[in-house]
N, C-alpha and C. Protein backbone atom coordinates (compact mmCIF):
# COMPACT_ATOMS: atom_id res chain seq x y z
N MET A 1 -84.64 105.82 -7.58
CA MET A 1 -84.04 107.12 -7.68
C MET A 1 -84.82 108.13 -6.86
N ALA A 2 -86.12 107.99 -6.85
CA ALA A 2 -86.95 108.92 -6.09
C ALA A 2 -86.74 108.77 -4.58
N PRO A 3 -86.57 107.54 -4.03
CA PRO A 3 -86.35 107.45 -2.60
C PRO A 3 -85.09 108.14 -2.13
N SER A 4 -84.02 108.09 -2.93
CA SER A 4 -82.79 108.75 -2.50
C SER A 4 -82.95 110.26 -2.49
N ALA A 5 -83.76 110.79 -3.42
CA ALA A 5 -84.00 112.23 -3.44
C ALA A 5 -84.78 112.63 -2.20
N ALA A 6 -85.73 111.79 -1.78
CA ALA A 6 -86.49 112.11 -0.58
C ALA A 6 -85.59 112.07 0.65
N VAL A 7 -84.67 111.12 0.70
CA VAL A 7 -83.76 111.04 1.84
C VAL A 7 -82.84 112.24 1.87
N ASN A 8 -82.35 112.66 0.72
CA ASN A 8 -81.47 113.82 0.67
C ASN A 8 -82.17 115.09 1.11
N LYS A 9 -83.45 115.23 0.76
CA LYS A 9 -84.18 116.42 1.18
C LYS A 9 -84.38 116.42 2.69
N ARG A 10 -84.64 115.26 3.26
CA ARG A 10 -84.92 115.18 4.69
C ARG A 10 -83.65 115.32 5.52
N ASP A 11 -82.51 114.89 5.01
CA ASP A 11 -81.26 114.87 5.77
C ASP A 11 -80.33 116.03 5.42
N ASP A 12 -80.86 117.15 4.92
CA ASP A 12 -79.99 118.26 4.56
C ASP A 12 -79.24 118.83 5.75
N ASP A 13 -79.85 118.87 6.91
CA ASP A 13 -79.22 119.47 8.08
C ASP A 13 -78.23 118.54 8.77
N ILE A 14 -78.36 117.25 8.54
CA ILE A 14 -77.51 116.28 9.22
C ILE A 14 -76.40 115.83 8.28
N PRO A 15 -75.12 116.00 8.70
CA PRO A 15 -74.04 115.55 7.82
C PRO A 15 -74.01 114.03 7.78
N SER A 16 -74.31 113.44 6.59
CA SER A 16 -74.38 112.00 6.48
C SER A 16 -73.10 111.41 5.92
N THR A 17 -72.32 112.20 5.19
CA THR A 17 -71.07 111.71 4.64
C THR A 17 -69.95 112.66 5.01
N SER A 18 -68.74 112.22 4.74
CA SER A 18 -67.60 113.07 5.06
C SER A 18 -67.56 114.30 4.16
N GLU A 19 -68.18 114.26 2.98
CA GLU A 19 -68.21 115.41 2.10
C GLU A 19 -69.05 116.53 2.69
N ASN A 20 -70.14 116.20 3.37
CA ASN A 20 -71.05 117.19 3.92
C ASN A 20 -70.63 117.66 5.31
N PHE A 21 -69.69 117.00 5.93
CA PHE A 21 -69.30 117.31 7.30
C PHE A 21 -68.47 118.58 7.33
N ASP A 22 -68.89 119.56 8.13
CA ASP A 22 -68.17 120.83 8.26
C ASP A 22 -67.59 120.90 9.67
N LEU A 23 -66.29 120.77 9.77
CA LEU A 23 -65.63 120.73 11.07
C LEU A 23 -65.76 122.05 11.82
N GLU A 24 -65.63 123.16 11.10
CA GLU A 24 -65.72 124.47 11.75
C GLU A 24 -67.12 124.71 12.33
N LYS A 25 -68.14 124.30 11.58
CA LYS A 25 -69.51 124.47 12.06
C LYS A 25 -69.75 123.62 13.30
N THR A 26 -69.25 122.39 13.27
CA THR A 26 -69.41 121.50 14.42
C THR A 26 -68.66 122.04 15.63
N ALA A 27 -67.46 122.59 15.40
CA ALA A 27 -66.68 123.15 16.50
C ALA A 27 -67.40 124.36 17.11
N GLU A 28 -67.98 125.19 16.28
CA GLU A 28 -68.73 126.34 16.78
C GLU A 28 -69.95 125.91 17.59
N GLU A 29 -70.65 124.87 17.11
CA GLU A 29 -71.81 124.37 17.84
C GLU A 29 -71.39 123.80 19.19
N ALA A 30 -70.29 123.07 19.23
CA ALA A 30 -69.81 122.51 20.49
C ALA A 30 -69.39 123.62 21.43
N LYS A 31 -68.72 124.63 20.90
CA LYS A 31 -68.29 125.76 21.73
C LYS A 31 -69.49 126.50 22.31
N SER A 32 -70.50 126.73 21.49
CA SER A 32 -71.68 127.45 21.99
C SER A 32 -72.42 126.60 23.03
N LEU A 33 -72.44 125.27 22.85
CA LEU A 33 -73.08 124.40 23.83
C LEU A 33 -72.33 124.45 25.16
N ILE A 34 -71.02 124.39 25.10
CA ILE A 34 -70.22 124.44 26.33
C ILE A 34 -70.40 125.78 27.04
N GLU A 35 -70.38 126.87 26.27
CA GLU A 35 -70.59 128.19 26.88
C GLU A 35 -71.98 128.29 27.52
N LYS A 36 -72.98 127.71 26.87
CA LYS A 36 -74.33 127.74 27.42
C LYS A 36 -74.41 126.95 28.73
N VAL A 37 -73.79 125.78 28.75
CA VAL A 37 -73.80 124.96 29.96
C VAL A 37 -73.08 125.68 31.10
N ILE A 38 -71.94 126.28 30.80
CA ILE A 38 -71.18 126.98 31.84
C ILE A 38 -71.97 128.18 32.36
N LYS A 39 -72.64 128.92 31.47
CA LYS A 39 -73.45 130.04 31.92
C LYS A 39 -74.61 129.56 32.79
N ASP A 40 -75.24 128.45 32.39
CA ASP A 40 -76.35 127.91 33.18
C ASP A 40 -75.87 127.43 34.54
N VAL A 41 -74.74 126.78 34.59
CA VAL A 41 -74.21 126.30 35.86
C VAL A 41 -73.84 127.48 36.75
N GLY A 42 -73.32 128.54 36.16
CA GLY A 42 -72.93 129.72 36.93
C GLY A 42 -74.10 130.40 37.60
N LYS A 43 -75.31 130.18 37.13
CA LYS A 43 -76.49 130.80 37.70
C LYS A 43 -77.08 130.00 38.86
N LYS A 44 -76.63 128.77 39.01
CA LYS A 44 -77.16 127.91 40.08
C LYS A 44 -76.54 128.29 41.42
N SER A 45 -77.07 127.70 42.49
CA SER A 45 -76.55 127.99 43.82
C SER A 45 -75.16 127.40 43.98
N ALA A 46 -74.43 127.89 44.96
CA ALA A 46 -73.06 127.43 45.20
C ALA A 46 -73.04 125.94 45.54
N THR A 47 -74.03 125.46 46.25
CA THR A 47 -74.09 124.04 46.61
C THR A 47 -74.21 123.18 45.37
N ARG A 48 -75.10 123.56 44.46
CA ARG A 48 -75.26 122.79 43.22
C ARG A 48 -74.00 122.84 42.37
N GLN A 49 -73.36 124.00 42.35
CA GLN A 49 -72.12 124.11 41.59
C GLN A 49 -71.04 123.21 42.17
N LEU A 50 -70.96 123.17 43.51
CA LEU A 50 -69.97 122.30 44.15
C LEU A 50 -70.24 120.84 43.83
N LEU A 51 -71.50 120.43 43.93
CA LEU A 51 -71.84 119.04 43.65
C LEU A 51 -71.63 118.68 42.19
N PHE A 52 -72.14 119.52 41.30
CA PHE A 52 -72.01 119.24 39.87
C PHE A 52 -70.55 119.30 39.43
N GLY A 53 -69.81 120.29 39.89
CA GLY A 53 -68.40 120.42 39.52
C GLY A 53 -67.57 119.27 40.03
N SER A 54 -67.78 118.90 41.29
CA SER A 54 -67.01 117.79 41.85
C SER A 54 -67.35 116.47 41.15
N ALA A 55 -68.63 116.22 40.93
CA ALA A 55 -69.04 114.97 40.29
C ALA A 55 -68.53 114.88 38.85
N SER A 56 -68.68 115.95 38.09
CA SER A 56 -68.21 115.91 36.70
C SER A 56 -66.69 115.85 36.63
N GLY A 57 -66.00 116.53 37.53
CA GLY A 57 -64.54 116.45 37.56
C GLY A 57 -64.07 115.06 37.93
N TRP A 58 -64.70 114.47 38.94
CA TRP A 58 -64.32 113.12 39.36
C TRP A 58 -64.55 112.13 38.22
N ALA A 59 -65.70 112.23 37.56
CA ALA A 59 -66.00 111.31 36.46
C ALA A 59 -65.00 111.47 35.32
N THR A 60 -64.66 112.71 34.99
CA THR A 60 -63.68 112.95 33.93
C THR A 60 -62.33 112.35 34.28
N GLY A 61 -61.85 112.60 35.49
CA GLY A 61 -60.56 112.07 35.91
C GLY A 61 -60.55 110.56 35.96
N PHE A 62 -61.61 109.96 36.49
CA PHE A 62 -61.68 108.50 36.60
C PHE A 62 -61.69 107.85 35.22
N ILE A 63 -62.48 108.41 34.31
CA ILE A 63 -62.55 107.86 32.96
C ILE A 63 -61.22 108.03 32.24
N MET A 64 -60.57 109.18 32.43
CA MET A 64 -59.26 109.39 31.81
C MET A 64 -58.26 108.34 32.28
N MET A 65 -58.25 108.04 33.56
CA MET A 65 -57.31 107.05 34.08
C MET A 65 -57.64 105.66 33.55
N LYS A 66 -58.90 105.31 33.49
CA LYS A 66 -59.27 103.99 32.99
C LYS A 66 -58.90 103.84 31.52
N LEU A 67 -59.16 104.87 30.72
CA LEU A 67 -58.79 104.82 29.31
C LEU A 67 -57.27 104.76 29.14
N GLY A 68 -56.56 105.48 29.97
CA GLY A 68 -55.10 105.44 29.92
C GLY A 68 -54.56 104.07 30.26
N LYS A 69 -55.15 103.45 31.28
CA LYS A 69 -54.73 102.10 31.64
C LYS A 69 -55.04 101.11 30.53
N ALA A 70 -56.19 101.26 29.90
CA ALA A 70 -56.56 100.36 28.80
C ALA A 70 -55.60 100.53 27.62
N ALA A 71 -55.24 101.76 27.32
CA ALA A 71 -54.30 102.00 26.22
C ALA A 71 -52.93 101.42 26.55
N ALA A 72 -52.47 101.61 27.79
CA ALA A 72 -51.18 101.06 28.19
C ALA A 72 -51.20 99.53 28.14
N PHE A 73 -52.30 98.93 28.57
CA PHE A 73 -52.42 97.48 28.53
C PHE A 73 -52.39 96.97 27.09
N THR A 74 -53.08 97.68 26.19
CA THR A 74 -53.12 97.27 24.78
C THR A 74 -51.73 97.36 24.15
N VAL A 75 -51.03 98.45 24.38
CA VAL A 75 -49.68 98.60 23.81
C VAL A 75 -48.74 97.55 24.40
N GLY A 76 -48.79 97.37 25.71
CA GLY A 76 -47.94 96.36 26.34
C GLY A 76 -48.23 94.96 25.85
N SER A 77 -49.50 94.64 25.69
CA SER A 77 -49.86 93.31 25.18
C SER A 77 -49.36 93.12 23.76
N GLY A 78 -49.44 94.16 22.95
CA GLY A 78 -48.93 94.07 21.59
C GLY A 78 -47.43 93.82 21.55
N ILE A 79 -46.70 94.49 22.42
CA ILE A 79 -45.25 94.29 22.49
C ILE A 79 -44.95 92.87 22.94
N LEU A 80 -45.65 92.40 23.96
CA LEU A 80 -45.43 91.03 24.42
C LEU A 80 -45.78 90.01 23.35
N ALA A 81 -46.86 90.24 22.61
CA ALA A 81 -47.25 89.31 21.55
C ALA A 81 -46.19 89.26 20.45
N LEU A 82 -45.64 90.41 20.10
CA LEU A 82 -44.57 90.43 19.09
C LEU A 82 -43.34 89.68 19.58
N GLN A 83 -42.98 89.91 20.82
CA GLN A 83 -41.82 89.21 21.38
C GLN A 83 -42.05 87.71 21.45
N LEU A 84 -43.23 87.30 21.84
CA LEU A 84 -43.57 85.88 21.90
C LEU A 84 -43.54 85.26 20.50
N ALA A 85 -44.09 85.97 19.52
CA ALA A 85 -44.07 85.47 18.15
C ALA A 85 -42.64 85.37 17.62
N ASN A 86 -41.79 86.32 18.02
CA ASN A 86 -40.40 86.29 17.61
C ASN A 86 -39.67 85.10 18.22
N SER A 87 -39.87 84.89 19.51
CA SER A 87 -39.16 83.78 20.18
C SER A 87 -39.69 82.42 19.75
N SER A 88 -40.95 82.35 19.33
CA SER A 88 -41.53 81.08 18.85
C SER A 88 -41.17 80.81 17.40
N GLY A 89 -40.63 81.78 16.70
CA GLY A 89 -40.21 81.59 15.32
C GLY A 89 -41.27 81.95 14.30
N TYR A 90 -42.39 82.48 14.71
CA TYR A 90 -43.42 82.87 13.74
C TYR A 90 -42.99 84.08 12.92
N ILE A 91 -42.27 84.99 13.56
CA ILE A 91 -41.72 86.15 12.85
C ILE A 91 -40.25 86.24 13.19
N ASN A 92 -39.50 86.95 12.34
CA ASN A 92 -38.09 87.13 12.57
C ASN A 92 -37.80 88.63 12.56
N ILE A 93 -37.30 89.14 13.66
CA ILE A 93 -37.03 90.56 13.79
C ILE A 93 -35.54 90.77 13.63
N ASN A 94 -35.15 91.63 12.70
CA ASN A 94 -33.75 92.00 12.50
C ASN A 94 -33.46 93.15 13.47
N TRP A 95 -32.94 92.81 14.64
CA TRP A 95 -32.75 93.79 15.71
C TRP A 95 -31.70 94.83 15.33
N ASP A 96 -30.66 94.45 14.59
CA ASP A 96 -29.64 95.43 14.18
C ASP A 96 -30.24 96.49 13.27
N LYS A 97 -31.01 96.06 12.30
CA LYS A 97 -31.65 97.00 11.37
C LYS A 97 -32.64 97.89 12.11
N LEU A 98 -33.41 97.31 13.02
CA LEU A 98 -34.38 98.07 13.80
C LEU A 98 -33.67 99.11 14.67
N THR A 99 -32.58 98.72 15.30
CA THR A 99 -31.83 99.64 16.16
C THR A 99 -31.24 100.79 15.34
N ARG A 100 -30.67 100.48 14.18
CA ARG A 100 -30.11 101.54 13.32
C ARG A 100 -31.21 102.50 12.88
N GLY A 101 -32.36 101.97 12.50
CA GLY A 101 -33.47 102.83 12.07
C GLY A 101 -33.96 103.73 13.19
N VAL A 102 -34.08 103.18 14.38
CA VAL A 102 -34.53 103.98 15.53
C VAL A 102 -33.51 105.06 15.85
N GLU A 103 -32.21 104.71 15.78
CA GLU A 103 -31.17 105.71 16.06
C GLU A 103 -31.18 106.83 15.03
N ARG A 104 -31.38 106.49 13.75
CA ARG A 104 -31.45 107.53 12.71
C ARG A 104 -32.63 108.47 12.95
N VAL A 105 -33.77 107.90 13.26
CA VAL A 105 -34.96 108.73 13.52
C VAL A 105 -34.74 109.59 14.75
N ALA A 106 -34.14 109.01 15.79
CA ALA A 106 -33.88 109.78 17.01
C ALA A 106 -32.93 110.94 16.73
N GLU A 107 -31.92 110.71 15.92
CA GLU A 107 -30.98 111.79 15.57
C GLU A 107 -31.68 112.90 14.79
N ARG A 108 -32.53 112.51 13.83
CA ARG A 108 -33.27 113.52 13.06
C ARG A 108 -34.17 114.35 13.96
N VAL A 109 -34.88 113.68 14.85
CA VAL A 109 -35.78 114.39 15.76
C VAL A 109 -34.98 115.32 16.67
N GLU A 110 -33.87 114.83 17.18
CA GLU A 110 -33.03 115.64 18.07
C GLU A 110 -32.48 116.85 17.34
N ASP A 111 -32.01 116.65 16.09
CA ASP A 111 -31.48 117.78 15.32
C ASP A 111 -32.55 118.81 15.03
N SER A 112 -33.72 118.37 14.63
CA SER A 112 -34.78 119.32 14.28
C SER A 112 -35.30 120.05 15.52
N THR A 113 -35.40 119.36 16.64
CA THR A 113 -35.91 120.04 17.84
C THR A 113 -34.85 120.93 18.47
N SER A 114 -33.58 120.57 18.39
CA SER A 114 -32.56 121.41 19.01
C SER A 114 -32.43 122.73 18.26
N ASP A 115 -32.56 122.71 16.91
CA ASP A 115 -32.53 123.95 16.15
C ASP A 115 -33.72 124.83 16.50
N LYS A 116 -34.87 124.23 16.60
CA LYS A 116 -36.08 124.99 16.93
C LYS A 116 -36.02 125.52 18.35
N LYS A 117 -35.44 124.72 19.26
CA LYS A 117 -35.36 125.16 20.66
C LYS A 117 -34.51 126.41 20.78
N GLN A 118 -33.37 126.44 20.10
CA GLN A 118 -32.49 127.60 20.20
C GLN A 118 -33.18 128.85 19.68
N GLY A 119 -33.83 128.75 18.53
CA GLY A 119 -34.54 129.90 17.98
C GLY A 119 -35.69 130.33 18.87
N LEU A 120 -36.42 129.36 19.39
CA LEU A 120 -37.55 129.65 20.25
C LEU A 120 -37.09 130.26 21.57
N LEU A 121 -36.01 129.72 22.14
CA LEU A 121 -35.49 130.27 23.39
C LEU A 121 -35.02 131.70 23.22
N LYS A 122 -34.38 131.99 22.11
CA LYS A 122 -33.94 133.37 21.87
C LYS A 122 -35.13 134.31 21.75
N LYS A 123 -36.15 133.88 21.01
CA LYS A 123 -37.35 134.71 20.85
C LYS A 123 -38.04 134.94 22.18
N VAL A 124 -38.19 133.87 22.96
CA VAL A 124 -38.84 133.99 24.26
C VAL A 124 -38.02 134.90 25.17
N GLY A 125 -36.70 134.74 25.14
CA GLY A 125 -35.83 135.59 25.96
C GLY A 125 -35.97 137.05 25.62
N ARG A 126 -35.99 137.37 24.32
CA ARG A 126 -36.16 138.76 23.90
C ARG A 126 -37.52 139.30 24.31
N TYR A 127 -38.54 138.48 24.15
CA TYR A 127 -39.90 138.91 24.51
C TYR A 127 -39.99 139.18 26.01
N VAL A 128 -39.46 138.26 26.81
CA VAL A 128 -39.50 138.44 28.26
C VAL A 128 -38.69 139.66 28.68
N ASP A 129 -37.53 139.87 28.06
CA ASP A 129 -36.73 141.05 28.39
C ASP A 129 -37.49 142.33 28.10
N LYS A 130 -38.14 142.39 26.93
CA LYS A 130 -38.92 143.59 26.60
C LYS A 130 -40.04 143.82 27.59
N LYS A 131 -40.74 142.74 27.93
CA LYS A 131 -41.86 142.89 28.87
C LYS A 131 -41.37 143.28 30.27
N LEU A 132 -40.25 142.69 30.69
CA LEU A 132 -39.71 143.05 32.00
C LEU A 132 -39.24 144.49 32.04
N ASP A 133 -38.61 144.96 30.97
CA ASP A 133 -38.20 146.36 30.91
C ASP A 133 -39.41 147.29 30.98
N LYS A 134 -40.43 146.92 30.26
CA LYS A 134 -41.65 147.72 30.27
C LYS A 134 -42.28 147.72 31.67
N ALA A 135 -42.32 146.57 32.30
CA ALA A 135 -42.89 146.48 33.64
C ALA A 135 -42.06 147.28 34.64
N GLU A 136 -40.75 147.23 34.51
CA GLU A 136 -39.87 147.97 35.42
C GLU A 136 -40.09 149.46 35.28
N ASP A 137 -40.21 149.95 34.04
CA ASP A 137 -40.47 151.37 33.83
C ASP A 137 -41.80 151.78 34.44
N LEU A 138 -42.81 150.97 34.25
CA LEU A 138 -44.12 151.31 34.80
C LEU A 138 -44.10 151.29 36.33
N LEU A 139 -43.40 150.32 36.90
CA LEU A 139 -43.34 150.26 38.35
C LEU A 139 -42.60 151.46 38.93
N ARG A 140 -41.65 151.94 38.22
CA ARG A 140 -40.93 153.12 38.70
C ARG A 140 -41.82 154.36 38.67
N LYS A 141 -42.69 154.45 37.69
CA LYS A 141 -43.53 155.65 37.58
C LYS A 141 -44.54 155.70 38.72
N LYS A 142 -45.47 154.81 38.68
CA LYS A 142 -46.51 154.80 39.72
C LYS A 142 -47.07 153.41 39.82
N GLU A 143 -47.43 153.03 41.03
CA GLU A 143 -47.99 151.70 41.26
C GLU A 143 -49.36 151.57 40.58
N ARG A 144 -50.11 152.62 40.58
CA ARG A 144 -51.44 152.58 39.99
C ARG A 144 -51.39 152.31 38.49
N LYS A 145 -50.46 152.96 37.81
CA LYS A 145 -50.31 152.72 36.38
C LYS A 145 -49.87 151.29 36.12
N ALA A 146 -49.03 150.75 37.00
CA ALA A 146 -48.56 149.37 36.84
C ALA A 146 -49.73 148.40 36.98
N LYS A 147 -50.60 148.66 37.93
CA LYS A 147 -51.77 147.79 38.10
C LYS A 147 -52.66 147.82 36.86
N ARG A 148 -52.86 149.00 36.32
CA ARG A 148 -53.67 149.09 35.11
C ARG A 148 -53.01 148.35 33.95
N TRP A 149 -51.68 148.49 33.84
CA TRP A 149 -50.97 147.79 32.77
C TRP A 149 -51.10 146.27 32.94
N PHE A 150 -50.92 145.80 34.16
CA PHE A 150 -51.03 144.36 34.40
C PHE A 150 -52.43 143.86 34.08
N ASN A 151 -53.43 144.60 34.51
CA ASN A 151 -54.81 144.19 34.25
C ASN A 151 -55.13 144.22 32.76
N ARG A 152 -54.55 145.16 32.04
CA ARG A 152 -54.78 145.23 30.60
C ARG A 152 -54.09 144.05 29.90
N ILE A 153 -52.87 143.70 30.31
CA ILE A 153 -52.14 142.58 29.71
C ILE A 153 -52.85 141.26 30.03
N SER A 154 -53.30 141.10 31.26
CA SER A 154 -53.94 139.85 31.65
C SER A 154 -55.37 139.73 31.14
N GLY A 155 -55.91 140.80 30.57
CA GLY A 155 -57.24 140.74 30.00
C GLY A 155 -58.33 141.19 30.95
N ASP A 156 -57.98 141.50 32.17
CA ASP A 156 -58.97 141.97 33.14
C ASP A 156 -58.94 143.49 33.16
N GLU A 157 -60.07 144.10 33.05
CA GLU A 157 -60.14 145.55 33.13
C GLU A 157 -60.08 146.00 34.58
N ASP A 158 -60.68 145.24 35.45
CA ASP A 158 -60.68 145.57 36.87
C ASP A 158 -59.88 144.51 37.60
N GLU A 159 -59.78 144.67 38.90
CA GLU A 159 -59.13 143.64 39.69
C GLU A 159 -60.00 142.40 39.68
N PHE A 160 -59.45 141.29 40.21
CA PHE A 160 -60.18 140.04 40.20
C PHE A 160 -61.50 140.19 40.94
N VAL A 161 -62.56 139.75 40.30
CA VAL A 161 -63.89 139.79 40.87
C VAL A 161 -64.39 138.35 40.95
N PHE A 162 -64.73 137.94 42.14
CA PHE A 162 -65.24 136.59 42.33
C PHE A 162 -66.60 136.48 41.70
N GLU A 163 -66.77 135.46 40.86
CA GLU A 163 -68.05 135.23 40.21
C GLU A 163 -68.56 133.86 40.60
N GLU A 164 -69.82 133.62 40.32
CA GLU A 164 -70.45 132.36 40.68
C GLU A 164 -69.78 131.17 40.01
N ILE A 165 -69.33 131.33 38.77
CA ILE A 165 -68.77 130.21 38.02
C ILE A 165 -67.46 129.73 38.63
N HIS A 166 -66.79 130.56 39.39
CA HIS A 166 -65.52 130.16 40.00
C HIS A 166 -65.71 129.01 40.99
N VAL A 167 -66.86 128.95 41.63
CA VAL A 167 -67.14 127.84 42.54
C VAL A 167 -67.18 126.53 41.77
N PHE A 168 -67.86 126.54 40.63
CA PHE A 168 -67.94 125.34 39.79
C PHE A 168 -66.56 124.94 39.29
N LEU A 169 -65.79 125.88 38.77
CA LEU A 169 -64.48 125.56 38.22
C LEU A 169 -63.53 125.00 39.28
N ALA A 170 -63.55 125.60 40.46
CA ALA A 170 -62.69 125.10 41.53
C ALA A 170 -63.10 123.69 41.96
N SER A 171 -64.38 123.46 42.09
CA SER A 171 -64.83 122.13 42.50
C SER A 171 -64.60 121.11 41.38
N TYR A 172 -64.68 121.54 40.12
CA TYR A 172 -64.38 120.64 39.01
C TYR A 172 -62.92 120.19 39.07
N LEU A 173 -62.03 121.12 39.30
CA LEU A 173 -60.60 120.77 39.37
C LEU A 173 -60.31 119.84 40.54
N VAL A 174 -60.94 120.10 41.69
CA VAL A 174 -60.76 119.20 42.83
C VAL A 174 -61.31 117.81 42.50
N GLY A 175 -62.47 117.76 41.88
CA GLY A 175 -63.05 116.48 41.48
C GLY A 175 -62.19 115.76 40.46
N LEU A 176 -61.59 116.51 39.54
CA LEU A 176 -60.71 115.92 38.53
C LEU A 176 -59.51 115.26 39.19
N VAL A 177 -58.90 115.95 40.13
CA VAL A 177 -57.75 115.39 40.85
C VAL A 177 -58.18 114.15 41.63
N LEU A 178 -59.33 114.21 42.29
CA LEU A 178 -59.81 113.04 43.04
C LEU A 178 -60.12 111.88 42.10
N GLY A 179 -60.70 112.16 40.95
CA GLY A 179 -61.01 111.10 39.98
C GLY A 179 -59.75 110.44 39.45
N ILE A 180 -58.74 111.26 39.17
CA ILE A 180 -57.46 110.69 38.70
C ILE A 180 -56.84 109.83 39.78
N SER A 181 -56.87 110.32 41.02
CA SER A 181 -56.26 109.54 42.10
C SER A 181 -57.06 108.25 42.34
N CYS A 182 -58.38 108.30 42.24
CA CYS A 182 -59.18 107.08 42.39
C CYS A 182 -58.92 106.13 41.23
N GLY A 183 -58.72 106.66 40.04
CA GLY A 183 -58.42 105.83 38.88
C GLY A 183 -57.08 105.14 39.01
N ILE A 184 -56.15 105.76 39.69
CA ILE A 184 -54.83 105.16 39.90
C ILE A 184 -54.94 104.04 40.93
N VAL A 185 -55.68 104.29 42.00
CA VAL A 185 -55.75 103.34 43.13
C VAL A 185 -56.57 102.11 42.78
N THR A 186 -57.75 102.31 42.15
CA THR A 186 -58.62 101.17 41.87
C THR A 186 -58.11 100.41 40.66
N ARG A 187 -58.45 99.17 40.61
CA ARG A 187 -57.96 98.34 39.50
C ARG A 187 -59.07 98.00 38.61
């Protein structure tokens, strides 16, 4: 009994069970770590940002493609194994019942999404109309006021200002695209 008490005292900071695990705390820690890394990268030279951004983007894209291929292979193999087991007589699939069940589920999904789409489209339409009317009024008044309105809506107080971190982000995106394309080409 005493050893478990000693372990509990030592492991108070580390979530050892699902009861002690706090998702919000972990999410905040991950967010602060990512923000710290991005701030640190933004302070480096443009060359380092280009290299680090391109390399990390390429690695992310390449790994995403490899994992996607592995998942597709696993699902496809499972389907083939089921079909092989069915044709060999190990299992018996009632295709009529399966088809009816899939059609019922498809109808339910279609009905629920079509109702939501109509309501969502109407809301989006009204929102866009209001914003366009507001933008039109501002543009008629003065161009300067319109620029301020746009910058306030977009979250920028001033016009776009190039910062060091933009080099990293642009090179990361280029590396991501290259990694995805390399993941598609290589086997």
